[in-house]
Structures are given as structure tokens and as C-alpha cells.
Amino acid sequence: MPTRSRSACSTSTAWSAFDAGHTLTGHQIALTGFVLGPEPGGFQLARLVITCCAADAQPIVAQVLTSAAPPARDTWVTVTGTFD
């Protein structure tokens, strides 16, 4: 499947938050965010979503599965892969 270009707050991305990710399952995606830290088998990637002002910022966290060494904490990276 081709990679779709979507912003972090696009309709399909926002909708997938409410359907346990089923909207994106099997699709190639690219995510940009900062590394929270290592996890078994990969690392956590996060972005902050602001609805009104910085005081209401909420993190959106994705687990990235990889056999490569995780990037350093607080590093901004873009990862591409298949949403599972």
C-alpha cells in the first residue's frame, strides 16, 4: 500500500484514536515525534496535541517496534513502517 501523507491531527489519524487504530491497520505510515525512552523490542515515540493552549497539551504515544538500537531520549525522529 502507498504511504499516505497525513498531519498529526488529520481526520483519519484523529478517528483512529477512537477505533483502537483499526482505521490505520495495515497501512504504511510515517510518524515524527520525540523519543520518550526505550521499551522491550523498540522505543516509545510521542507528540503533544494542543487543543486550545499549551496548558491543555496531551501526549499521544506510539510504541515503535524495531531490532535496531533505540535513538537517544528526547531526540526528534521520523519513523516509517506498517501500523499494526
Protein backbone atom coordinates (compact mmCIF):
# COMPACT_ATOMS: atom_id res chain seq x y z
CA MET A 1 0.00 0.00 0.00
CA PRO A 2 1.27 3.51 -0.70
CA THR A 3 2.25 5.73 2.21
CA ARG A 4 -0.36 8.38 2.84
CA SER A 5 0.71 11.85 3.84
CA ARG A 6 -1.26 12.93 6.89
CA SER A 7 -0.72 15.56 9.53
CA ALA A 8 -0.69 14.54 13.20
CA CYS A 9 -4.20 15.98 13.56
CA SER A 10 -5.73 14.76 10.29
CA THR A 11 -9.21 13.33 10.25
CA SER A 12 -8.08 9.73 9.72
CA THR A 13 -5.43 9.95 12.44
CA ALA A 14 -7.89 11.50 14.89
CA TRP A 15 -10.54 8.91 14.01
CA SER A 16 -8.08 6.04 14.53
CA ALA A 17 -7.68 7.18 18.15
CA PHE A 18 -11.34 6.30 18.69
CA ASP A 19 -11.40 2.95 16.88
CA ALA A 20 -8.34 1.36 18.53
CA GLY A 21 -6.26 2.01 15.42
CA HIS A 22 -8.34 -0.17 13.07
CA THR A 23 -8.56 2.69 10.54
CA LEU A 24 -4.77 2.58 10.06
CA THR A 25 -4.09 -1.17 10.47
CA GLY A 26 -2.00 -2.47 7.59
CA HIS A 27 -1.22 0.98 6.18
CA GLN A 28 2.29 2.36 5.73
CA ILE A 29 2.63 5.42 7.95
CA ALA A 30 5.33 7.90 8.88
CA LEU A 31 5.37 9.40 12.38
CA THR A 32 7.51 12.26 13.63
CA GLY A 33 7.95 12.79 17.34
CA PHE A 34 10.35 12.75 20.23
CA VAL A 35 11.71 9.61 21.85
CA LEU A 36 10.41 9.02 25.37
CA GLY A 37 12.69 6.11 26.07
CA PRO A 38 13.49 2.51 25.27
CA GLU A 39 10.93 -0.29 25.56
CA PRO A 40 11.45 -4.03 25.14
CA GLY A 41 11.78 -4.53 21.37
CA GLY A 42 11.86 -0.84 20.48
CA PHE A 43 11.04 2.56 21.93
CA GLN A 44 8.18 4.98 22.61
CA LEU A 45 7.58 7.94 20.30
CA ALA A 46 5.43 10.90 21.43
CA ARG A 47 3.84 14.10 20.19
CA LEU A 48 1.88 16.67 22.16
CA VAL A 49 -1.59 17.64 20.94
CA ILE A 50 -2.76 21.11 21.91
CA THR A 51 -6.48 21.80 21.66
CA CYS A 52 -6.63 25.36 22.96
CA CYS A 53 -3.40 26.40 24.68
CA ALA A 54 -0.15 24.90 26.00
CA ALA A 55 -1.78 24.27 29.38
CA ASP A 56 -4.07 21.60 27.88
CA ALA A 57 -1.34 19.72 25.95
CA GLN A 58 -1.88 15.94 25.93
CA PRO A 59 0.69 13.37 24.81
CA ILE A 60 -0.02 10.85 22.07
CA VAL A 61 2.38 7.93 22.43
CA ALA A 62 3.17 5.20 19.90
CA GLN A 63 5.26 2.11 20.52
CA VAL A 64 7.82 1.63 17.75
CA LEU A 65 8.95 -1.97 17.30
CA THR A 66 12.45 -2.38 15.87
CA SER A 67 15.51 -4.58 16.22
CA ALA A 68 17.76 -1.53 15.87
CA ALA A 69 19.15 0.31 18.89
CA PRO A 70 16.68 2.99 20.06
CA PRO A 71 17.56 6.64 19.49
CA ALA A 72 18.57 8.75 22.49
CA ARG A 73 15.82 10.02 24.78
CA ASP A 74 14.35 13.44 23.76
CA THR A 75 15.65 13.06 20.19
CA TRP A 76 13.22 14.05 17.42
CA VAL A 77 12.93 11.33 14.77
CA THR A 78 10.71 10.29 11.88
CA VAL A 79 9.89 6.60 11.63
CA THR A 80 8.19 4.82 8.73
CA GLY A 81 6.54 1.44 8.94
CA THR A 82 3.33 -0.57 8.87
CA PHE A 83 0.71 0.21 11.50
CA ASP A 84 -0.10 -2.97 13.40
